[in-house]
Amino acid sequence: SYLLFSGIILILARKGEKPQLTLATTTSVQDSGLLDALLPPFEVKDKCRLKVIAVGSGQAIRLAKEGNVDVILVHDPTSEEMFVKESYGVRRYTVMYNDFVIVGPEEDPAHIRGGRDGAKALKEILVSKSPFISRGDDSGTHRKERELWKVAGIEPSGSRYIEAGTGMVGTLRIANEMRAYTLTDRGTCLAHIKELDLTILVEGDENLHNLYSIIPLSKEKYPDVNYQLAMKLVEFITGGEGQDIIRTYGQKEYGQSLFFPLPISGLIEEE
C-alpha cells in the first residue's frame, strides 16, 4: 500500500510539472542579458520553463542535429540555411539583428580607429604585428571573422594570432588583459564595456551586419521534440510583445538598443 501511495504522489507531482522547452542559443544573446528580459514573460504566459544552453552557433546547431534541443536561436545564416535544407529544422524565422564591431586598446597601435572596412582593419592589425584574439570556437562570430580574413586575402597565423576557444565575454577579457584587438557583437560589448578597458574602433561596415534566426526542430525527424511549445516561443518572439522587448532592451541600461527586431508579417502557420 505504501508503494501504491508513493506512486500516486509521484504521478500527481509529474502532472503538476510545467512543460520544459530546451533552447540552444549563442553566448552573445545570453551574455548581452537579452534572454533575461525576453524569456521570463514567455514562461509566465505559456506556463512552462525554458532550459537554455548557451554556446557558439556551430555547437548549437550540432546539438540540434543530435536531437538534444527543441529549438535554436543562432546567427550563422549559411549554416542555418543548410540546417533547414537538410530537414533538421522546419523554417528559419529571422527575428532581429545587431552588428559586429572591432574593439581594441585605446592606444590603438594598428591605427584602425574610425574605419568602417572590417577586412582592411584586420589586415592593418596583422601588418602592425598587434595581437588579435579570435574566439576560435566555430561560433557565428568566429565564422564572421574567418569571412573577413578571407575578404582580406589573409590566412591568419603566428604568435600574435591567438585562438581563445571560448565565448564572447571570455574572449573580450583575454583581449583586455593582452591589450589586443578582437571582433565582437555590439550587444555583448556594450553589456560588458564598463568592466573592460577596450574601445570600439571599427564599425558600420555592411559586412559586419549580424542576423539572428530562431529555428524549431522538425517533428518528423525528431518525434520527441516539443514542437508545439517551440512554435509558441517563435510566435512570442516574432509577435508584438517579444519584438517590443527586443526593440527596447538596452535603452535604459546602456542608452541605446543592443538589438533591432525584424517583424514577420502574417501569422505563423503550423508546419
Protein backbone atom coordinates (compact mmCIF):
# COMPACT_ATOMS: atom_id res chain seq x y z
CA SER A 1 0.00 0.00 0.00
CA TYR A 2 2.92 2.30 0.73
CA LEU A 3 4.34 1.73 -2.77
CA LEU A 4 0.93 2.39 -4.30
CA PHE A 5 0.59 5.62 -2.30
CA SER A 6 4.11 6.72 -3.33
CA GLY A 7 3.30 6.00 -6.96
CA ILE A 8 0.16 8.13 -6.80
CA ILE A 9 2.12 11.01 -5.25
CA LEU A 10 4.77 10.74 -7.99
CA ILE A 11 2.13 10.76 -10.74
CA LEU A 12 0.43 13.82 -9.20
CA ALA A 13 3.80 15.59 -8.91
CA ARG A 14 4.57 14.91 -12.56
CA LYS A 15 1.15 16.17 -13.57
CA GLY A 16 1.93 19.40 -11.75
CA GLU A 17 5.26 19.86 -13.54
CA LYS A 18 5.48 22.62 -16.09
CA PRO A 19 6.38 21.55 -19.64
CA GLN A 20 10.02 22.23 -20.50
CA LEU A 21 11.47 23.65 -23.68
CA THR A 22 15.19 23.33 -24.38
CA LEU A 23 16.71 26.21 -26.32
CA ALA A 24 20.27 26.20 -27.69
CA THR A 25 21.43 29.71 -28.40
CA THR A 26 24.54 31.81 -28.79
CA THR A 27 26.64 33.22 -25.99
CA SER A 28 26.08 36.70 -27.43
CA VAL A 29 22.34 36.53 -26.79
CA GLN A 30 22.96 35.17 -23.29
CA ASP A 31 25.90 37.40 -22.32
CA SER A 32 24.17 40.57 -23.50
CA GLY A 33 21.40 39.90 -20.97
CA LEU A 34 18.65 39.83 -23.61
CA LEU A 35 17.39 36.38 -22.59
CA ASP A 36 16.86 37.55 -19.02
CA ALA A 37 14.42 40.13 -20.38
CA LEU A 38 12.89 38.05 -23.16
CA LEU A 39 12.25 34.59 -21.74
CA PRO A 40 10.57 35.09 -18.31
CA PRO A 41 7.43 36.73 -19.81
CA PHE A 42 7.11 33.78 -22.19
CA GLU A 43 7.47 31.28 -19.34
CA VAL A 44 4.70 33.04 -17.42
CA LYS A 45 2.44 33.38 -20.45
CA ASP A 46 2.70 29.75 -21.55
CA LYS A 47 3.15 28.24 -18.07
CA CYS A 48 6.38 26.50 -18.97
CA ARG A 49 10.07 26.59 -18.15
CA LEU A 50 12.99 27.03 -20.51
CA LYS A 51 16.32 25.28 -20.29
CA VAL A 52 18.92 27.41 -22.06
CA ILE A 53 22.18 26.05 -23.46
CA ALA A 54 24.40 28.98 -24.45
CA VAL A 55 27.20 28.00 -26.84
CA GLY A 56 28.56 29.10 -30.19
CA SER A 57 26.20 28.87 -33.17
CA GLY A 58 28.13 25.93 -34.62
CA GLN A 59 27.82 23.94 -31.42
CA ALA A 60 24.14 24.90 -31.03
CA ILE A 61 23.44 23.54 -34.50
CA ARG A 62 25.34 20.32 -33.71
CA LEU A 63 23.29 19.86 -30.52
CA ALA A 64 20.14 20.30 -32.57
CA LYS A 65 21.23 17.76 -35.19
CA GLU A 66 21.78 15.28 -32.36
CA GLY A 67 18.20 15.91 -31.19
CA ASN A 68 19.27 17.29 -27.82
CA VAL A 69 17.23 20.52 -28.01
CA ASP A 70 13.81 21.66 -29.22
CA VAL A 71 14.66 24.97 -30.87
CA ILE A 72 17.73 27.07 -31.70
CA LEU A 73 18.36 30.82 -31.80
CA VAL A 74 21.59 31.42 -33.72
CA HIS A 75 23.43 33.80 -36.06
CA ASP A 76 25.08 31.84 -38.84
CA PRO A 77 22.88 32.25 -41.96
CA THR A 78 24.81 29.84 -44.21
CA SER A 79 24.71 27.01 -41.67
CA GLU A 80 21.08 27.81 -40.82
CA GLU A 81 20.01 27.51 -44.45
CA MET A 82 21.77 24.13 -44.73
CA PHE A 83 20.18 23.01 -41.43
CA VAL A 84 16.70 23.66 -42.83
CA LYS A 85 17.54 22.36 -46.32
CA GLU A 86 18.62 19.04 -44.80
CA SER A 87 15.26 18.92 -42.91
CA TYR A 88 16.67 19.21 -39.39
CA GLY A 89 14.64 22.39 -38.84
CA VAL A 90 11.26 23.42 -40.18
CA ARG A 91 11.98 27.03 -41.14
CA ARG A 92 14.25 30.00 -40.40
CA TYR A 93 12.50 32.91 -38.71
CA THR A 94 14.90 35.87 -38.84
CA VAL A 95 13.85 37.85 -35.80
CA MET A 96 16.47 40.50 -35.07
CA TYR A 97 19.88 41.89 -35.88
CA ASN A 98 22.73 43.85 -34.44
CA ASP A 99 26.25 44.22 -35.79
CA PHE A 100 29.82 43.21 -35.22
CA VAL A 101 32.48 45.73 -34.21
CA ILE A 102 36.23 45.54 -33.84
CA VAL A 103 37.47 46.60 -30.43
CA GLY A 104 40.95 47.19 -29.12
CA PRO A 105 43.06 49.20 -26.69
CA GLU A 106 42.66 52.96 -26.51
CA GLU A 107 46.26 53.45 -27.72
CA ASP A 108 45.32 51.65 -30.99
CA PRO A 109 48.79 50.61 -32.23
CA ALA A 110 47.34 49.44 -35.58
CA HIS A 111 45.77 52.88 -36.19
CA ILE A 112 42.38 51.49 -37.27
CA ARG A 113 40.23 53.92 -35.27
CA GLY A 114 37.33 55.40 -37.21
CA GLY A 115 37.48 52.88 -40.03
CA ARG A 116 34.44 51.11 -41.46
CA ASP A 117 36.07 48.34 -43.50
CA GLY A 118 36.41 45.26 -41.28
CA ALA A 119 38.65 43.28 -43.63
CA LYS A 120 41.01 46.24 -44.11
CA ALA A 121 41.20 46.73 -40.34
CA LEU A 122 42.19 43.09 -39.79
CA LYS A 123 44.94 43.44 -42.39
CA GLU A 124 46.27 46.56 -40.66
CA ILE A 125 46.24 44.77 -37.30
CA LEU A 126 48.32 41.95 -38.80
CA VAL A 127 50.76 44.35 -40.50
CA SER A 128 51.25 46.26 -37.23
CA LYS A 129 52.11 42.94 -35.51
CA SER A 130 49.50 43.69 -32.86
CA PRO A 131 47.86 40.76 -31.02
CA PHE A 132 44.44 39.64 -32.19
CA ILE A 133 42.23 37.33 -30.11
CA SER A 134 39.96 35.04 -32.10
CA ARG A 135 37.11 33.15 -30.46
CA GLY A 136 38.26 30.08 -32.37
CA ASP A 137 35.12 28.17 -31.35
CA ASP A 138 33.15 27.73 -34.60
CA SER A 139 30.62 30.30 -33.39
CA GLY A 140 28.80 32.72 -35.66
CA THR A 141 31.27 35.40 -34.56
CA HIS A 142 34.24 33.17 -35.36
CA ARG A 143 32.82 32.37 -38.80
CA LYS A 144 32.27 36.07 -39.49
CA GLU A 145 35.88 36.74 -38.51
CA ARG A 146 37.09 33.97 -40.85
CA GLU A 147 34.96 35.50 -43.61
CA LEU A 148 36.64 38.89 -43.09
CA TRP A 149 40.12 37.35 -43.20
CA LYS A 150 39.14 35.67 -46.49
CA VAL A 151 37.98 39.00 -47.93
CA ALA A 152 41.33 40.48 -46.84
CA GLY A 153 43.13 37.65 -48.65
CA ILE A 154 44.91 36.56 -45.49
CA GLU A 155 45.21 33.26 -43.64
CA PRO A 156 45.97 34.44 -40.08
CA SER A 157 48.72 32.65 -38.17
CA GLY A 158 51.67 33.27 -35.91
CA SER A 159 52.12 34.00 -32.23
CA ARG A 160 50.17 37.27 -32.40
CA TYR A 161 47.02 35.48 -33.61
CA ILE A 162 45.53 33.71 -30.60
CA GLU A 163 42.50 31.41 -30.68
CA ALA A 164 40.78 31.61 -27.31
CA GLY A 165 38.35 28.74 -27.84
CA THR A 166 35.86 30.41 -25.53
CA GLY A 167 32.71 32.52 -25.54
CA MET A 168 32.48 36.22 -26.29
CA VAL A 169 32.87 37.52 -22.75
CA GLY A 170 35.90 35.30 -22.15
CA THR A 171 37.44 36.45 -25.44
CA LEU A 172 36.87 40.11 -24.55
CA ARG A 173 38.54 39.61 -21.18
CA ILE A 174 41.59 37.99 -22.78
CA ALA A 175 41.81 40.86 -25.28
CA ASN A 176 41.54 43.30 -22.40
CA GLU A 177 44.36 41.63 -20.46
CA MET A 178 46.64 41.37 -23.50
CA ARG A 179 45.85 44.86 -24.88
CA ALA A 180 44.74 43.12 -28.05
CA TYR A 181 42.11 43.50 -30.74
CA THR A 182 39.09 41.27 -31.28
CA LEU A 183 35.82 41.02 -33.19
CA THR A 184 32.67 41.11 -31.06
CA ASP A 185 28.96 41.59 -31.44
CA ARG A 186 27.93 45.05 -30.29
CA GLY A 187 25.40 43.79 -27.75
CA THR A 188 27.86 41.77 -25.67
CA CYS A 189 30.45 44.53 -25.97
CA LEU A 190 28.13 47.24 -24.64
CA ALA A 191 26.80 44.98 -21.90
CA HIS A 192 30.34 44.50 -20.53
CA ILE A 193 32.19 47.63 -21.69
CA LYS A 194 32.28 49.13 -18.19
CA GLU A 195 34.40 46.25 -16.89
CA LEU A 196 36.79 46.40 -19.86
CA ASP A 197 39.46 48.86 -20.94
CA LEU A 198 38.63 48.39 -24.62
CA THR A 199 37.24 50.81 -27.21
CA ILE A 200 35.05 50.30 -30.26
CA LEU A 201 37.38 51.26 -33.12
CA VAL A 202 35.77 49.95 -36.33
CA GLU A 203 32.04 49.86 -37.03
CA GLY A 204 29.47 50.49 -39.74
CA ASP A 205 30.66 48.02 -42.39
CA GLU A 206 27.79 46.29 -44.23
CA ASN A 207 29.84 43.09 -43.95
CA LEU A 208 29.54 43.41 -40.16
CA HIS A 209 25.75 43.02 -40.04
CA ASN A 210 24.67 40.22 -37.70
CA LEU A 211 21.32 38.47 -38.26
CA TYR A 212 19.70 36.17 -35.70
CA SER A 213 17.19 33.45 -36.56
CA ILE A 214 15.06 31.09 -34.48
CA ILE A 215 14.51 27.59 -35.90
CA PRO A 216 12.23 24.91 -34.39
CA LEU A 217 13.40 21.33 -34.96
CA SER A 218 11.45 19.10 -37.34
CA LYS A 219 8.88 16.92 -35.60
CA GLU A 220 9.17 14.44 -38.48
CA LYS A 221 12.89 13.93 -37.96
CA TYR A 222 12.67 14.23 -34.15
CA PRO A 223 9.36 12.74 -32.93
CA ASP A 224 10.16 13.54 -29.29
CA VAL A 225 10.78 17.24 -29.88
CA ASN A 226 8.46 19.64 -28.05
CA TYR A 227 7.32 21.15 -31.34
CA GLN A 228 4.12 22.81 -30.14
CA LEU A 229 5.90 24.72 -27.38
CA ALA A 230 8.77 25.58 -29.74
CA MET A 231 6.27 27.17 -32.12
CA LYS A 232 4.73 29.10 -29.25
CA LEU A 233 8.19 30.53 -28.50
CA VAL A 234 8.54 31.51 -32.16
CA GLU A 235 5.16 33.20 -32.05
CA PHE A 236 6.10 35.07 -28.88
CA ILE A 237 9.48 36.30 -30.12
CA THR A 238 8.12 37.32 -33.52
CA GLY A 239 4.95 38.84 -32.06
CA GLY A 240 4.33 42.28 -30.63
CA GLU A 241 5.42 41.63 -27.04
CA GLY A 242 8.64 39.86 -27.94
CA GLN A 243 9.58 42.38 -30.61
CA ASP A 244 8.97 45.27 -28.18
CA ILE A 245 11.30 43.65 -25.63
CA ILE A 246 13.98 43.26 -28.29
CA ARG A 247 13.48 46.84 -29.54
CA THR A 248 13.79 48.47 -26.13
CA TYR A 249 16.37 46.21 -24.48
CA GLY A 250 19.46 48.19 -23.56
CA GLN A 251 17.95 51.66 -23.87
CA LYS A 252 17.63 52.13 -20.12
CA GLU A 253 20.87 50.43 -19.10
CA TYR A 254 23.16 51.49 -21.96
CA GLY A 255 21.41 54.43 -23.61
CA GLN A 256 20.88 52.53 -26.86
CA SER A 257 19.22 49.37 -28.14
CA LEU A 258 21.51 46.33 -28.31
CA PHE A 259 19.34 44.50 -30.86
CA PHE A 260 16.85 45.55 -33.53
CA PRO A 261 13.71 43.48 -34.24
CA LEU A 262 12.73 42.21 -37.66
CA PRO A 263 8.94 41.72 -37.57
CA ILE A 264 7.46 38.84 -39.53
CA SER A 265 4.23 39.79 -41.29
CA GLY A 266 1.26 37.46 -41.03
CA LEU A 267 0.51 34.56 -38.76
CA ILE A 268 2.91 31.67 -38.34
CA GLU A 269 1.27 28.64 -39.82
CA GLU A 270 1.51 25.12 -38.42
CA GLU A 271 4.21 23.29 -40.31
